[in-house]
Every structure is written in structure tokens, then in C-alpha cells.
Amino acid sequence: MLTNILFILIGFVLLVKGGDYLVEGSVSIARKAKLSSMVIGMTVIGFGTSAPEMLVSVNAALADSPGIALGNVVGSNIANIALILGVTGLLYTCVTDSHTLRVDLPFMVLACVLLLFVGMMGSIGRIAGILGILLLVAFLIWQIRASRRKGDADVPKTEDTPVRSLPVSIIMVVLSIAAMIVGANILVDGAKNVAAALGVSERVIGLTVVAVGTSLPELFASVMSAKRGETDLAIGNIIGSVSFNVFFVVGVSAAISPIMEGTAVFFYDYLLMVGLAVLLWLFLFTKRTLERWEGAVLLLTYVAYIAHMVWTL
């Protein structure tokens, strides 16, 4: 028991410090490359923290179980929007810019709607998967070029974040993401063992400890970004994670093994995912701000979702 508690503490420390250094390295990259916080959040942080979902889905596709890959993506997207931005918004008021409202958030909503549409057609084939990957790549190239054209206007100006050289910043980001993934795994393993020792059922462990554990890198990345005043990094992290999950994770999984099963099973989860994406867009559209009561609404929605799953099992 003491060993498992120690694992939980070590995992927590790795997540906190990893998230802190991830933000510092990302801000340095943004300044050096003259890119906006949103672009860095969508790419470096968003894609990096989605590595666990990518590994799970690719392994599932290679094992000829693409339905698991699809369920992993839908569940992760729901957690990203409702749990992670819910907690972040509850702790800190998150402010974004007009470009995010006009371009980035609509793109995330489009990703969720397309997944609903393609999934409910009964299958996601190789061609659809490859087209999704190409669409994401094209969008990111356009975003990077647009951000570079704006020059210094959107480059983060956080004064208390030291600016390091580009190689050092990249190394810092890579090591931070690795530390967060390792920390999440250690924390989840320790928590699972503690819960099992206390007599908690595997079903409850799976729906709580494991489900939340795979989202811990995104959670700590967003919270630490907001804590440092880089709320665009926090929101960009989620937009990037959701878009990456839909277009790249599902795309690669479908390219490896076409997804021919389980689409109807996820119908209500699809609807919730799309509904949460639209709700987030509406919350930010009013004042370009995710206020604390709105974060509470997102978080309570996730709690209700988990409670419903537990009740219906």
C-alpha cells in the first residue's frame, strides 16, 4: 500500500513539473518562431499530450480491433472538452481571441461533426482515414503560415517566462511530455492498486481511475498554462487534441485497419461529443471568455456522463 501511495505522489510530481516546464518550453518556442500561443497549443502541446491516445488506438488497429480505437477517441474528446476545460475554466478564467472563434473552434466542431457523419455511415475506410490526415496537415500548414504573417502581434508576452534557445526549448518540451506520460502511467497504476486493495470493483476503477488517467497529461498541461496566464495555450491544447484525435488518430487507425464495427454503439457518445464542442464554442463566442460558471457546467456534464455510464452498466 505504501509503495502504491509513493507511486501516486511521484506521478503527481512528474505531472505538475512536466506541465510547468512544458508551458515554459512552448512559450519559448512560440517567441523564437514568432508563432501565436494558440498555434503552439494546437500543435506542440495538443499533439504531444495526445500521444497516449495515439498509442492505444494504433495498437488496437494493429490488433485488428479498430472499434476500440474509435471508442478511445470519442471518450477522450468528451473528457478533453468537459473534464479538462471544465476543471481549467473552474480554476481560472480563460480568455481567447477572435481568430480562435472564427477559425480554430469551428474547425474542432467540424472535426466532431465529420466523425459523427462518417461513423454513422457504418464504416470508416482507408480513403476516409487518409483524407482526414491530409486535411489536418493542410489546416496546420495554413495556420502556421497565417501566424507567421502576423509577426509579433500574437506572440506570447508573458514576462515571467524565461526565453531559452530553440534547441533547449524543443528538448524541454519533449522531456516534459515524456515525464507527463510516465507520471500519468505511474499515478494510474498506483491508484488502481490502491482501489483494488480497498475492494473497489474493476468496473468502477476502469470508468474512473483509468478513464481520467489517460487525460491527465492534457489536464495538467491546460491547468499549468492557465496558471501562467497563457490561456490560449490551455484552449489550444484542447482544440489541438480533439482535432488530432479525429483526423490523425482515427485516420491512422482506419488506414491500418478500416473501422467496420461499433459505430452505432457510440451514437449517443457522438452526439454528446458534438454537443460539447458546440457548447464550448457558444460559451467562448459571447465574451471570448470561458468563465468559471461555464467551466462548472462542463465539469458537471462530465460527472453526469460518467454517472450515467456506471448506472447503465
Protein backbone atom coordinates (compact mmCIF):
# COMPACT_ATOMS: atom_id res chain seq x y z
CA MET A 1 0.00 0.00 0.00
CA LEU A 2 2.76 2.46 0.93
CA THR A 3 4.59 1.69 -2.32
CA ASN A 4 1.48 2.45 -4.34
CA ILE A 5 0.90 5.70 -2.46
CA LEU A 6 4.51 6.63 -3.23
CA PHE A 7 3.88 5.89 -6.91
CA ILE A 8 0.84 8.19 -6.83
CA LEU A 9 2.91 11.01 -5.31
CA ILE A 10 5.77 10.53 -7.80
CA GLY A 11 3.30 10.50 -10.69
CA PHE A 12 1.66 13.67 -9.41
CA VAL A 13 5.02 15.46 -9.12
CA LEU A 14 6.01 14.41 -12.65
CA LEU A 15 2.71 15.71 -13.99
CA VAL A 16 2.94 19.06 -12.19
CA LYS A 17 6.60 19.76 -13.00
CA GLY A 18 6.25 18.33 -16.50
CA GLY A 19 3.28 20.61 -17.18
CA ASP A 20 5.16 23.61 -15.81
CA TYR A 21 8.24 23.05 -17.98
CA LEU A 22 6.06 22.14 -20.98
CA VAL A 23 4.43 25.57 -20.85
CA GLU A 24 7.79 27.30 -20.37
CA GLY A 25 9.34 25.46 -23.33
CA SER A 26 6.28 26.03 -25.51
CA VAL A 27 6.21 29.76 -24.82
CA SER A 28 9.92 29.97 -25.69
CA ILE A 29 9.28 28.14 -28.98
CA ALA A 30 6.40 30.49 -29.77
CA ARG A 31 8.57 33.56 -29.17
CA LYS A 32 11.53 32.23 -31.16
CA ALA A 33 9.40 31.01 -34.08
CA LYS A 34 7.08 34.07 -33.90
CA LEU A 35 4.02 31.86 -33.63
CA SER A 36 0.89 32.51 -31.58
CA SER A 37 0.17 30.69 -28.32
CA MET A 38 -2.88 29.12 -29.98
CA VAL A 39 -0.82 27.55 -32.77
CA ILE A 40 1.74 26.19 -30.29
CA GLY A 41 -1.10 24.90 -28.10
CA MET A 42 -2.76 23.15 -31.05
CA THR A 43 0.43 21.56 -32.34
CA VAL A 44 3.25 21.08 -29.82
CA ILE A 45 1.12 20.71 -26.68
CA GLY A 46 -2.08 19.32 -28.21
CA PHE A 47 -0.38 16.62 -30.25
CA GLY A 48 2.22 15.82 -27.63
CA THR A 49 -0.26 15.25 -24.83
CA SER A 50 -2.38 13.09 -27.17
CA ALA A 51 0.44 10.57 -27.52
CA PRO A 52 -1.22 8.06 -25.12
CA GLU A 53 -4.43 8.05 -27.17
CA MET A 54 -2.39 7.62 -30.33
CA LEU A 55 -0.51 4.62 -28.94
CA VAL A 56 -3.70 2.96 -27.66
CA SER A 57 -5.55 3.43 -30.96
CA VAL A 58 -2.69 2.31 -33.21
CA ASN A 59 -2.13 -0.80 -31.07
CA ALA A 60 -5.86 -1.54 -31.26
CA ALA A 61 -5.81 -1.17 -35.05
CA LEU A 62 -2.75 -3.42 -35.36
CA ALA A 63 -4.53 -5.98 -33.19
CA ASP A 64 -7.47 -5.83 -35.63
CA SER A 65 -9.72 -4.14 -33.06
CA PRO A 66 -10.37 -0.75 -34.71
CA GLY A 67 -13.63 -0.35 -32.77
CA ILE A 68 -11.56 0.12 -29.61
CA ALA A 69 -9.61 2.88 -31.36
CA LEU A 70 -12.85 4.69 -32.19
CA GLY A 71 -14.20 4.38 -28.67
CA ASN A 72 -10.90 5.65 -27.27
CA VAL A 73 -11.09 8.78 -29.45
CA VAL A 74 -14.74 9.59 -28.71
CA GLY A 75 -14.27 9.10 -24.96
CA SER A 76 -11.05 11.12 -24.98
CA ASN A 77 -12.69 14.02 -26.82
CA ILE A 78 -15.56 14.13 -24.33
CA ALA A 79 -13.06 14.17 -21.46
CA ASN A 80 -10.91 16.82 -23.17
CA ILE A 81 -13.76 19.31 -23.52
CA ALA A 82 -15.91 18.56 -20.49
CA LEU A 83 -13.39 17.39 -17.87
CA ILE A 84 -10.19 19.22 -18.76
CA LEU A 85 -11.58 22.57 -19.86
CA GLY A 86 -14.21 22.21 -17.14
CA VAL A 87 -11.56 21.95 -14.42
CA THR A 88 -9.34 24.59 -16.05
CA GLY A 89 -12.22 27.02 -16.51
CA LEU A 90 -13.40 26.44 -12.96
CA LEU A 91 -9.96 27.32 -11.58
CA TYR A 92 -9.02 30.14 -13.97
CA THR A 93 -10.90 32.47 -16.30
CA CYS A 94 -9.74 31.58 -19.81
CA VAL A 95 -9.63 34.29 -22.48
CA THR A 96 -9.12 33.71 -26.20
CA ASP A 97 -9.01 35.83 -29.36
CA SER A 98 -11.29 36.43 -32.33
CA HIS A 99 -9.22 34.21 -34.67
CA THR A 100 -9.86 31.24 -32.41
CA LEU A 101 -13.60 31.90 -32.53
CA ARG A 102 -13.67 32.35 -36.31
CA VAL A 103 -11.29 29.56 -37.34
CA ASP A 104 -9.93 27.20 -34.66
CA LEU A 105 -13.10 26.36 -32.74
CA PRO A 106 -15.20 25.91 -35.93
CA PHE A 107 -12.51 23.52 -37.19
CA MET A 108 -12.78 21.49 -33.98
CA VAL A 109 -16.58 21.43 -34.26
CA LEU A 110 -16.24 20.37 -37.91
CA ALA A 111 -13.94 17.51 -36.85
CA CYS A 112 -16.53 16.24 -34.35
CA VAL A 113 -19.42 16.58 -36.84
CA LEU A 114 -17.47 14.76 -39.56
CA LEU A 115 -16.67 11.92 -37.16
CA LEU A 116 -20.38 11.66 -36.32
CA PHE A 117 -21.36 11.69 -40.00
CA VAL A 118 -18.72 9.24 -41.23
CA GLY A 119 -19.12 6.97 -38.22
CA MET A 120 -22.89 6.70 -38.59
CA MET A 121 -22.49 5.72 -42.23
CA GLY A 122 -21.42 2.34 -40.85
CA SER A 123 -17.69 2.32 -41.57
CA ILE A 124 -14.56 4.43 -41.77
CA GLY A 125 -12.41 3.19 -44.62
CA ARG A 126 -8.79 3.73 -45.58
CA ILE A 127 -9.56 6.53 -48.04
CA ALA A 128 -11.55 8.46 -45.41
CA GLY A 129 -8.73 7.98 -42.93
CA ILE A 130 -6.06 9.25 -45.32
CA LEU A 131 -8.22 12.23 -46.33
CA GLY A 132 -8.61 13.13 -42.66
CA ILE A 133 -4.83 13.11 -42.14
CA LEU A 134 -4.29 15.30 -45.21
CA LEU A 135 -6.99 17.75 -44.12
CA LEU A 136 -5.36 18.18 -40.70
CA VAL A 137 -1.89 18.67 -42.22
CA ALA A 138 -3.21 21.27 -44.69
CA PHE A 139 -5.04 23.15 -41.93
CA LEU A 140 -1.95 23.26 -39.70
CA ILE A 141 0.30 24.46 -42.53
CA TRP A 142 -2.17 27.25 -43.25
CA GLN A 143 -2.36 28.13 -39.53
CA ILE A 144 1.41 28.31 -39.15
CA ARG A 145 1.79 30.49 -42.24
CA ALA A 146 -1.02 32.80 -41.11
CA SER A 147 0.52 33.12 -37.66
CA ARG A 148 3.97 33.90 -39.10
CA ARG A 149 2.49 36.59 -41.36
CA LYS A 150 1.09 38.38 -38.32
CA GLY A 151 4.61 38.72 -36.93
CA ASP A 152 4.89 39.68 -33.28
CA ALA A 153 1.22 40.59 -32.80
CA ASP A 154 0.16 37.23 -31.41
CA VAL A 155 3.45 36.10 -29.86
CA PRO A 156 3.00 35.48 -26.11
CA LYS A 157 4.28 38.34 -23.97
CA THR A 158 4.43 36.63 -20.58
CA GLU A 159 7.27 38.46 -18.84
CA ASP A 160 7.92 35.93 -16.06
CA THR A 161 8.60 33.09 -18.50
CA PRO A 162 12.31 32.95 -19.46
CA VAL A 163 13.13 32.76 -23.17
CA ARG A 164 15.51 29.93 -23.97
CA SER A 165 17.21 28.92 -27.21
CA LEU A 166 15.15 26.95 -29.71
CA PRO A 167 17.08 23.64 -29.29
CA VAL A 168 16.85 23.86 -25.49
CA SER A 169 13.13 24.69 -25.71
CA ILE A 170 12.43 21.72 -28.00
CA ILE A 171 14.34 19.36 -25.70
CA MET A 172 12.47 20.79 -22.71
CA VAL A 173 9.09 20.18 -24.41
CA VAL A 174 9.95 16.62 -25.45
CA LEU A 175 11.23 15.67 -21.99
CA SER A 176 8.26 17.37 -20.31
CA ILE A 177 5.73 15.44 -22.42
CA ALA A 178 7.62 12.19 -21.71
CA ALA A 179 7.64 12.96 -17.97
CA MET A 180 3.90 13.68 -18.02
CA ILE A 181 3.09 10.44 -19.83
CA VAL A 182 5.28 8.42 -17.45
CA GLY A 183 3.81 10.28 -14.49
CA ALA A 184 0.26 9.59 -15.64
CA ASN A 185 1.01 5.87 -16.06
CA ILE A 186 2.67 5.63 -12.62
CA LEU A 187 -0.18 7.51 -10.95
CA VAL A 188 -2.85 5.38 -12.65
CA ASP A 189 -1.10 2.11 -11.77
CA GLY A 190 -0.73 3.19 -8.15
CA ALA A 191 -4.32 4.36 -7.92
CA LYS A 192 -5.60 1.13 -9.48
CA ASN A 193 -3.70 -0.96 -6.95
CA VAL A 194 -4.89 1.15 -4.02
CA ALA A 195 -8.50 0.97 -5.25
CA ALA A 196 -8.26 -2.80 -5.72
CA ALA A 197 -6.80 -3.19 -2.22
CA LEU A 198 -9.76 -1.25 -0.84
CA GLY A 199 -12.21 -3.60 -2.58
CA VAL A 200 -13.32 -1.25 -5.39
CA SER A 201 -14.65 -3.15 -8.42
CA GLU A 202 -12.74 -3.28 -11.73
CA ARG A 203 -15.69 -1.63 -13.48
CA VAL A 204 -15.54 1.43 -11.24
CA ILE A 205 -11.73 1.52 -11.50
CA GLY A 206 -11.95 1.45 -15.30
CA LEU A 207 -14.55 4.19 -15.53
CA THR A 208 -12.81 6.50 -13.07
CA VAL A 209 -9.10 5.92 -12.47
CA VAL A 210 -8.21 4.64 -15.95
CA ALA A 211 -10.55 6.95 -17.88
CA VAL A 212 -9.36 10.07 -16.09
CA GLY A 213 -5.75 8.86 -16.01
CA THR A 214 -5.36 8.86 -19.80
CA SER A 215 -6.42 12.53 -19.80
CA LEU A 216 -4.01 13.64 -17.07
CA PRO A 217 -1.32 15.00 -19.47
CA GLU A 218 -3.85 17.27 -21.19
CA LEU A 219 -5.36 18.25 -17.82
CA PHE A 220 -2.09 19.33 -16.23
CA ALA A 221 -0.88 21.00 -19.44
CA SER A 222 -4.04 23.13 -19.60
CA VAL A 223 -4.12 23.95 -15.87
CA MET A 224 -0.44 24.95 -15.77
CA SER A 225 -0.88 27.05 -18.93
CA ALA A 226 -3.83 28.90 -17.40
CA LYS A 227 -1.93 29.34 -14.13
CA ARG A 228 0.88 31.11 -16.01
CA GLY A 229 -1.64 33.35 -17.79
CA GLU A 230 -1.24 31.56 -21.14
CA THR A 231 -4.93 30.68 -21.50
CA ASP A 232 -4.59 30.44 -25.30
CA LEU A 233 -2.20 27.53 -24.71
CA ALA A 234 -4.80 25.87 -22.48
CA ILE A 235 -7.62 26.24 -25.02
CA GLY A 236 -5.32 25.48 -27.97
CA ASN A 237 -4.23 22.28 -26.23
CA ILE A 238 -7.82 21.00 -26.23
CA ILE A 239 -8.63 22.19 -29.76
CA GLY A 240 -5.46 20.52 -30.99
CA SER A 241 -6.07 17.31 -29.03
CA VAL A 242 -9.64 16.92 -30.28
CA SER A 243 -8.73 17.71 -33.89
CA PHE A 244 -5.66 15.44 -33.73
CA ASN A 245 -7.74 12.61 -32.27
CA VAL A 246 -10.37 12.81 -35.01
CA PHE A 247 -8.26 13.40 -38.10
CA PHE A 248 -4.94 11.78 -37.22
CA VAL A 249 -5.63 9.09 -34.62
CA VAL A 250 -8.81 7.84 -36.33
CA GLY A 251 -7.20 8.46 -39.73
CA VAL A 252 -4.12 6.36 -38.99
CA SER A 253 -6.21 3.65 -37.31
CA ALA A 254 -8.57 3.46 -40.31
CA ALA A 255 -5.64 3.45 -42.74
CA ILE A 256 -4.16 0.47 -40.87
CA SER A 257 -7.45 -1.39 -40.43
CA PRO A 258 -10.78 0.03 -41.72
CA ILE A 259 -13.23 0.60 -38.87
CA MET A 260 -16.26 -1.52 -39.72
CA GLU A 261 -17.78 -2.07 -36.30
CA GLY A 262 -19.18 -0.35 -33.27
CA THR A 263 -20.33 2.87 -34.93
CA ALA A 264 -23.96 2.61 -33.82
CA VAL A 265 -22.90 1.74 -30.28
CA PHE A 266 -21.28 5.17 -29.96
CA PHE A 267 -24.28 7.11 -31.30
CA TYR A 268 -25.13 8.91 -28.04
CA ASP A 269 -21.44 9.45 -27.30
CA TYR A 270 -21.07 11.02 -30.76
CA LEU A 271 -23.97 13.36 -30.00
CA LEU A 272 -22.53 14.33 -26.62
CA MET A 273 -19.12 15.00 -28.19
CA VAL A 274 -20.63 17.26 -30.86
CA GLY A 275 -22.91 18.94 -28.31
CA LEU A 276 -19.98 19.72 -26.01
CA ALA A 277 -17.92 21.12 -28.89
CA VAL A 278 -20.78 23.43 -29.91
CA LEU A 279 -21.42 24.40 -26.28
CA LEU A 280 -17.77 25.35 -25.78
CA TRP A 281 -17.91 27.46 -28.95
CA LEU A 282 -21.04 29.24 -27.70
CA PHE A 283 -19.53 29.84 -24.25
CA LEU A 284 -16.46 31.49 -25.77
CA PHE A 285 -18.43 33.29 -28.50
CA THR A 286 -20.31 35.57 -26.10
CA LYS A 287 -17.37 37.31 -24.40
CA ARG A 288 -14.33 35.46 -25.83
CA THR A 289 -14.03 34.16 -22.26
CA LEU A 290 -14.65 30.83 -20.57
CA GLU A 291 -15.88 31.92 -17.17
CA ARG A 292 -15.84 29.83 -14.03
CA TRP A 293 -19.56 29.05 -14.01
CA GLU A 294 -19.22 27.81 -17.60
CA GLY A 295 -16.31 25.61 -16.56
CA ALA A 296 -18.53 24.26 -13.78
CA VAL A 297 -21.25 23.42 -16.33
CA LEU A 298 -18.77 21.47 -18.47
CA LEU A 299 -17.39 19.62 -15.45
CA LEU A 300 -20.85 18.71 -14.13
CA THR A 301 -21.76 17.42 -17.59
CA TYR A 302 -18.79 15.06 -17.47
CA VAL A 303 -19.69 13.89 -13.96
CA ALA A 304 -23.26 13.21 -15.13
CA TYR A 305 -21.92 11.32 -18.17
CA ILE A 306 -19.74 9.05 -16.03
CA ALA A 307 -22.58 8.55 -13.53
CA HIS A 308 -24.91 7.55 -16.37
CA MET A 309 -22.41 5.00 -17.69
CA VAL A 310 -21.97 3.48 -14.24
CA TRP A 311 -25.74 3.33 -13.72
CA THR A 312 -26.47 1.67 -17.07
CA LEU A 313 -23.73 -0.96 -16.91
